[in-house]
Amino acid sequence: MNKFKWGIIGCGYIAKKFAEACRSAEGMEITAVASRSVQKAELFAGAVGAKQYFGSYEEMLKNCSLDAVYIATVNSEHAANADLCLDNNLPVLCEKPFVMNLKDFDCLTAKAKQKNLAIMEAMWSNFLPANVEIKNLVNEGAIGKVSLAYIDFCTIFHNERKELKGRIFNPKLGGGLIFDIGVYNLHCAFSLFGTEYSDIAICGIKGETGVDINASIAFTYPNGVLVNTVTNCRSKGPFSLRICGDKGYILEEGYNGAQEFSICLNDEEPKIIKKPFITNGFEYQIIEFAHIVNSGKLESEYMPWSTSRKVCEVMEKAYKLITED
């Protein structure tokens, strides 16, 4: 059986996590890695077992036999990097957020369709066994009729003064909590309840570097469900998913990387449901993307373009509303 050959653009922390999962997944291979620094690429290749390394993205794309490319660069570079891969006729799995605006999103998906190439946002949390099981339970009516859900991603970035100079708070690098961590909230909401909401409410706070540092984005749905999502970088929160129905509730702490959750029915003691990873959780999106490429599909039914597009639309709208004077 031939190995599915991956190239990686960007050699940071997330790329290392991807490579770890890729190496443990059956039939996968890290063939090549690329960075703007050839020294960094060489060190990374040695750490993850890649056969080749390059100090140029384009050089890797033109000189390697690859089945797909994983993009793990800063947010502001995703669109250009993905476009370069498509120009070289390679399918793309791109880290979140997929892109920063709808114009780039529509250009990329149009090109992918024209070239018959798969492209997908690497929203790993949607593929986790715990989150798949939660979605199934909600759809099956395990907690009855759902009327309310809370999704929050609140954390304190360590050494905040230093972080202010880094990518998370740098508008030129695609910074801001909406793009960096709010994207998880939005994907979680749309995965569970769909993208056809009836109304949206947005409020937030702009920080000293000009990006959002706190935001609340709430949705109401025609079936009577209210979903409230929150991001915050200056308060330690439960970082959780809570779904409330008329027969009980589901609680998942650390929802974008959880391996268990609890369900409580009719005021009974909560029941813990465990869904451990095979490796680190990234393996599920890797397997899914390789499957759609090998099947000749352009998009995943679990991570369709329509959902990523709606997330992009909401992020762009919310960011502008909060940060523009």
Protein backbone atom coordinates (compact mmCIF):
# COMPACT_ATOMS: atom_id res chain seq x y z
CA MET A 1 0.00 0.00 0.00
CA ASN A 2 1.37 3.39 -1.03
CA LYS A 3 1.88 5.97 1.68
CA PHE A 4 -0.11 9.21 1.61
CA LYS A 5 2.63 11.81 1.25
CA TRP A 6 2.29 15.06 3.18
CA GLY A 7 4.20 18.28 2.79
CA ILE A 8 4.13 20.81 5.64
CA ILE A 9 4.39 24.58 5.25
CA GLY A 10 5.36 26.24 8.50
CA CYS A 11 7.47 24.59 11.20
CA GLY A 12 6.05 25.79 14.50
CA TYR A 13 4.27 24.20 17.47
CA ILE A 14 1.05 23.28 15.66
CA ALA A 15 2.95 21.74 12.75
CA LYS A 16 4.86 19.56 15.22
CA LYS A 17 1.59 18.37 16.75
CA PHE A 18 0.26 17.61 13.27
CA ALA A 19 3.40 15.68 12.38
CA GLU A 20 3.22 13.63 15.58
CA ALA A 21 -0.32 12.53 14.74
CA CYS A 22 0.53 11.97 11.09
CA ARG A 23 3.43 9.67 11.89
CA SER A 24 1.21 7.49 14.07
CA ALA A 25 -1.69 7.29 11.58
CA GLU A 26 -1.72 4.27 9.32
CA GLY A 27 -0.67 4.95 5.74
CA MET A 28 0.63 8.49 6.33
CA GLU A 29 4.08 9.93 5.70
CA ILE A 30 5.73 13.31 6.28
CA THR A 31 7.63 13.59 3.02
CA ALA A 32 8.83 17.20 3.13
CA VAL A 33 8.70 20.36 5.23
CA ALA A 34 9.29 23.98 4.31
CA SER A 35 10.07 27.15 6.21
CA ARG A 36 11.35 30.56 5.21
CA SER A 37 14.44 29.59 7.19
CA VAL A 38 16.24 26.56 5.79
CA GLN A 39 17.94 26.04 9.17
CA LYS A 40 14.56 25.87 10.89
CA ALA A 41 13.26 23.51 8.22
CA GLU A 42 16.27 21.22 8.65
CA LEU A 43 15.82 21.05 12.43
CA PHE A 44 12.09 20.43 12.08
CA ALA A 45 12.59 17.72 9.45
CA GLY A 46 14.96 15.91 11.79
CA ALA A 47 12.51 16.15 14.68
CA VAL A 48 9.52 14.81 12.72
CA GLY A 49 11.29 12.35 10.42
CA ALA A 50 10.68 14.19 7.15
CA LYS A 51 12.76 13.00 4.19
CA GLN A 52 13.27 16.44 2.68
CA TYR A 53 13.37 20.04 3.85
CA PHE A 54 13.36 23.40 2.09
CA GLY A 55 13.90 27.08 2.84
CA SER A 56 11.25 28.02 0.29
CA TYR A 57 7.60 26.98 0.10
CA GLU A 58 7.54 27.12 -3.68
CA GLU A 59 10.72 25.05 -3.95
CA MET A 60 9.11 22.25 -1.93
CA LEU A 61 5.91 22.34 -3.97
CA LYS A 62 7.74 22.19 -7.30
CA ASN A 63 10.35 19.58 -6.38
CA CYS A 64 8.47 17.02 -4.25
CA SER A 65 5.97 14.33 -5.09
CA LEU A 66 3.19 15.06 -2.61
CA ASP A 67 -0.42 14.04 -2.14
CA ALA A 68 -1.39 17.05 -0.01
CA VAL A 69 0.00 20.00 1.90
CA TYR A 70 -0.74 21.05 5.46
CA ILE A 71 -0.43 24.79 6.09
CA ALA A 72 0.60 25.90 9.59
CA THR A 73 1.76 29.48 9.09
CA VAL A 74 0.45 32.64 10.79
CA ASN A 75 -3.18 33.56 10.12
CA SER A 76 -2.42 36.40 7.73
CA GLU A 77 -0.46 34.08 5.40
CA HIS A 78 -3.03 31.30 5.01
CA ALA A 79 -4.71 32.64 1.88
CA ALA A 80 -1.48 33.24 -0.03
CA ASN A 81 0.02 29.91 1.04
CA ALA A 82 -3.12 27.97 0.09
CA ASP A 83 -3.29 29.75 -3.25
CA LEU A 84 0.34 28.80 -3.95
CA CYS A 85 -0.44 25.14 -3.23
CA LEU A 86 -3.46 25.16 -5.54
CA ASP A 87 -1.38 26.80 -8.27
CA ASN A 88 0.95 23.82 -7.95
CA ASN A 89 -2.01 21.42 -8.22
CA LEU A 90 -1.89 20.19 -4.64
CA PRO A 91 -4.80 19.62 -2.23
CA VAL A 92 -4.72 21.80 0.89
CA LEU A 93 -5.46 21.21 4.56
CA CYS A 94 -5.15 24.69 6.06
CA GLU A 95 -4.96 25.57 9.75
CA LYS A 96 -7.69 27.65 11.32
CA PRO A 97 -8.79 30.26 10.62
CA PHE A 98 -8.96 29.18 7.00
CA VAL A 99 -8.68 32.78 5.76
CA MET A 100 -9.36 36.27 7.13
CA ASN A 101 -12.13 37.42 4.78
CA LEU A 102 -14.84 36.18 2.42
CA LYS A 103 -13.11 37.52 -0.69
CA ASP A 104 -10.12 35.24 -0.13
CA PHE A 105 -12.38 32.34 0.83
CA ASP A 106 -14.42 32.55 -2.35
CA CYS A 107 -11.32 32.92 -4.54
CA LEU A 108 -9.68 29.83 -3.03
CA THR A 109 -12.73 27.57 -3.18
CA ALA A 110 -13.45 28.70 -6.75
CA LYS A 111 -9.88 27.82 -7.76
CA ALA A 112 -10.05 24.47 -5.92
CA LYS A 113 -13.27 23.65 -7.76
CA GLN A 114 -11.81 24.71 -11.11
CA LYS A 115 -8.73 22.56 -10.57
CA ASN A 116 -10.68 19.68 -8.99
CA LEU A 117 -8.58 19.83 -5.81
CA ALA A 118 -9.67 19.16 -2.23
CA ILE A 119 -9.33 21.95 0.30
CA MET A 120 -10.37 21.91 3.95
CA GLU A 121 -10.04 24.00 7.09
CA ALA A 122 -8.10 22.08 9.75
CA MET A 123 -10.69 22.38 12.51
CA TRP A 124 -9.49 19.32 14.40
CA SER A 125 -11.97 19.65 17.26
CA ASN A 126 -14.94 18.87 15.01
CA PHE A 127 -13.54 15.39 14.35
CA LEU A 128 -12.76 14.41 17.95
CA PRO A 129 -14.62 11.30 19.17
CA ALA A 130 -16.07 13.13 22.18
CA ASN A 131 -17.49 15.92 20.03
CA VAL A 132 -18.85 13.53 17.44
CA GLU A 133 -20.60 11.62 20.24
CA ILE A 134 -22.04 14.83 21.73
CA LYS A 135 -23.46 15.81 18.36
CA ASN A 136 -25.05 12.37 17.99
CA LEU A 137 -26.59 12.54 21.46
CA VAL A 138 -28.06 15.98 20.83
CA ASN A 139 -29.48 14.89 17.46
CA GLU A 140 -30.95 11.75 19.05
CA GLY A 141 -32.72 13.80 21.71
CA ALA A 142 -30.74 12.33 24.62
CA ILE A 143 -31.19 15.53 26.67
CA GLY A 144 -34.58 16.35 25.20
CA LYS A 145 -35.41 19.58 23.41
CA VAL A 146 -32.40 21.87 23.53
CA SER A 147 -33.07 25.54 24.18
CA LEU A 148 -29.71 26.91 25.36
CA ALA A 149 -25.99 26.40 24.80
CA TYR A 150 -22.90 28.17 26.12
CA ILE A 151 -19.55 27.91 24.38
CA ASP A 152 -16.64 29.80 25.90
CA PHE A 153 -12.92 30.01 25.30
CA CYS A 154 -11.46 32.13 28.09
CA THR A 155 -7.79 31.99 28.93
CA ILE A 156 -4.95 34.13 30.22
CA PHE A 157 -1.96 34.45 27.93
CA HIS A 158 1.18 34.22 29.99
CA ASN A 159 3.66 37.07 29.94
CA GLU A 160 1.10 39.39 28.40
CA ARG A 161 3.51 42.24 27.72
CA LYS A 162 5.63 39.91 25.62
CA GLU A 163 2.55 38.45 23.93
CA LEU A 164 1.46 41.94 22.85
CA LYS A 165 4.39 41.86 20.43
CA GLY A 166 3.53 38.37 19.18
CA ARG A 167 1.12 37.09 16.57
CA ILE A 168 -1.99 36.83 18.78
CA PHE A 169 -2.20 40.58 19.33
CA ASN A 170 -0.58 41.72 16.08
CA PRO A 171 -3.16 42.87 13.49
CA LYS A 172 -0.60 42.53 10.68
CA LEU A 173 -0.28 38.81 11.43
CA GLY A 174 -4.02 38.19 11.60
CA GLY A 175 -4.22 38.59 15.37
CA GLY A 176 -7.27 38.95 17.56
CA LEU A 177 -9.15 36.46 19.71
CA ILE A 178 -12.01 36.07 17.25
CA PHE A 179 -9.65 34.72 14.61
CA ASP A 180 -7.35 32.81 16.94
CA ILE A 181 -9.69 31.11 19.43
CA GLY A 182 -13.19 32.39 18.65
CA VAL A 183 -13.04 30.33 15.48
CA TYR A 184 -13.33 27.20 17.68
CA ASN A 185 -16.49 28.56 19.31
CA LEU A 186 -18.13 29.31 15.98
CA HIS A 187 -17.31 25.95 14.44
CA CYS A 188 -18.61 24.20 17.54
CA ALA A 189 -21.88 26.15 17.40
CA PHE A 190 -22.43 25.54 13.70
CA SER A 191 -21.47 21.87 13.91
CA LEU A 192 -24.09 21.31 16.61
CA PHE A 193 -26.87 23.63 15.51
CA GLY A 194 -26.22 24.50 11.86
CA THR A 195 -25.49 27.75 10.08
CA GLU A 196 -29.07 28.85 9.46
CA TYR A 197 -29.50 31.06 12.51
CA SER A 198 -32.25 33.67 12.55
CA ASP A 199 -30.41 36.45 14.38
CA ILE A 200 -26.94 37.36 15.64
CA ALA A 201 -25.76 39.72 18.39
CA ILE A 202 -22.14 40.88 18.66
CA CYS A 203 -20.32 42.93 21.27
CA GLY A 204 -16.71 43.13 22.39
CA ILE A 205 -13.71 45.11 23.53
CA LYS A 206 -10.75 46.34 21.49
CA GLY A 207 -7.29 46.11 23.06
CA GLU A 208 -4.36 48.48 22.89
CA THR A 209 -2.89 46.91 19.74
CA GLY A 210 -6.16 47.38 17.85
CA VAL A 211 -7.42 43.77 17.88
CA ASP A 212 -10.30 42.30 19.87
CA ILE A 213 -9.46 40.98 23.35
CA ASN A 214 -12.97 40.07 24.50
CA ALA A 215 -16.06 39.21 22.48
CA SER A 216 -19.52 37.76 22.80
CA ILE A 217 -21.25 36.42 19.69
CA ALA A 218 -24.73 35.03 20.25
CA PHE A 219 -27.12 33.30 17.85
CA THR A 220 -30.82 32.58 17.94
CA TYR A 221 -32.26 29.80 15.82
CA PRO A 222 -35.75 29.40 14.34
CA ASN A 223 -36.35 26.33 16.54
CA GLY A 224 -35.95 28.38 19.71
CA VAL A 225 -32.30 27.62 20.54
CA LEU A 226 -30.07 30.38 21.92
CA VAL A 227 -26.30 29.86 21.61
CA ASN A 228 -23.90 32.24 23.32
CA THR A 229 -20.17 32.15 22.51
CA VAL A 230 -17.52 34.08 24.45
CA THR A 231 -13.79 34.74 24.06
CA ASN A 232 -11.61 36.46 26.64
CA CYS A 233 -7.84 36.68 27.13
CA ARG A 234 -7.72 38.35 30.54
CA SER A 235 -9.84 36.03 32.67
CA LYS A 236 -9.49 32.36 33.44
CA GLY A 237 -12.77 30.69 32.59
CA PRO A 238 -14.15 27.16 32.51
CA PHE A 239 -13.37 26.92 28.75
CA SER A 240 -16.39 24.73 28.23
CA LEU A 241 -19.33 23.60 26.15
CA ARG A 242 -22.68 23.40 27.95
CA ILE A 243 -25.84 22.24 26.18
CA CYS A 244 -29.13 22.44 28.09
CA GLY A 245 -32.26 20.50 27.21
CA ASP A 246 -35.57 19.83 28.95
CA LYS A 247 -34.40 16.35 30.02
CA GLY A 248 -30.89 17.21 31.14
CA TYR A 249 -27.61 18.76 30.09
CA ILE A 250 -24.21 17.95 28.61
CA LEU A 251 -21.01 19.53 29.95
CA GLU A 252 -17.62 19.28 28.26
CA GLU A 253 -14.69 21.17 29.74
CA GLY A 254 -11.79 22.05 27.47
CA TYR A 255 -14.14 21.25 24.61
CA ASN A 256 -11.74 21.80 21.71
CA GLY A 257 -9.41 19.06 22.96
CA ALA A 258 -11.52 16.98 25.33
CA GLN A 259 -11.41 13.22 25.70
CA GLU A 260 -14.47 13.00 27.94
CA PHE A 261 -17.69 14.80 28.83
CA SER A 262 -20.55 14.40 31.27
CA ILE A 263 -24.26 14.00 30.74
CA CYS A 264 -26.81 14.54 33.48
CA LEU A 265 -30.43 13.45 33.03
CA ASN A 266 -33.43 14.22 35.24
CA ASP A 267 -31.34 15.56 38.13
CA GLU A 268 -29.41 12.29 38.37
CA GLU A 269 -25.70 12.15 39.12
CA PRO A 270 -23.66 13.11 36.03
CA LYS A 271 -22.42 10.20 33.93
CA ILE A 272 -18.89 10.52 32.57
CA ILE A 273 -18.40 9.37 28.98
CA LYS A 274 -14.77 8.83 27.95
CA LYS A 275 -13.59 9.06 24.35
CA PRO A 276 -9.77 8.91 24.36
CA PHE A 277 -7.56 9.87 21.42
CA ILE A 278 -5.44 7.46 19.47
CA THR A 279 -2.53 9.93 19.56
CA ASN A 280 -3.15 13.64 20.19
CA GLY A 281 -6.46 14.29 18.45
CA PHE A 282 -5.07 15.63 15.17
CA GLU A 283 -5.16 12.18 13.61
CA TYR A 284 -8.89 12.27 12.86
CA GLN A 285 -8.77 15.28 10.54
CA ILE A 286 -5.66 13.84 8.87
CA ILE A 287 -7.41 10.56 8.14
CA GLU A 288 -10.52 12.36 6.91
CA PHE A 289 -8.62 14.63 4.53
CA ALA A 290 -6.60 11.78 3.06
CA HIS A 291 -9.89 9.93 2.54
CA ILE A 292 -11.53 12.74 0.59
CA VAL A 293 -8.41 13.22 -1.55
CA ASN A 294 -8.19 9.50 -2.32
CA SER A 295 -11.92 9.45 -3.05
CA GLY A 296 -11.68 12.30 -5.54
CA LYS A 297 -13.87 14.59 -3.45
CA LEU A 298 -13.33 18.32 -3.05
CA GLU A 299 -14.69 18.77 0.45
CA SER A 300 -15.58 16.85 3.58
CA GLU A 301 -19.19 16.32 4.63
CA TYR A 302 -17.97 16.81 8.24
CA MET A 303 -16.14 20.04 7.41
CA PRO A 304 -17.93 21.42 4.33
CA TRP A 305 -16.98 24.63 2.61
CA SER A 306 -20.37 26.12 3.48
CA THR A 307 -19.64 25.89 7.22
CA SER A 308 -16.14 27.32 6.91
CA ARG A 309 -17.55 30.12 4.77
CA LYS A 310 -20.19 31.00 7.36
CA VAL A 311 -17.55 31.01 10.11
CA CYS A 312 -15.40 33.32 7.98
CA GLU A 313 -18.36 35.62 7.36
CA VAL A 314 -19.19 35.91 11.08
CA MET A 315 -15.55 36.42 12.11
CA GLU A 316 -15.00 39.16 9.53
CA LYS A 317 -18.23 40.93 10.56
CA ALA A 318 -17.54 40.66 14.31
CA TYR A 319 -13.91 41.76 14.03
CA LYS A 320 -14.82 44.85 12.02
CA LEU A 321 -17.65 45.77 14.38
CA ILE A 322 -15.44 45.54 17.47
CA THR A 323 -12.20 47.03 16.15
CA GLU A 324 -13.21 49.75 13.71
CA ASP A 325 -13.45 53.27 15.16
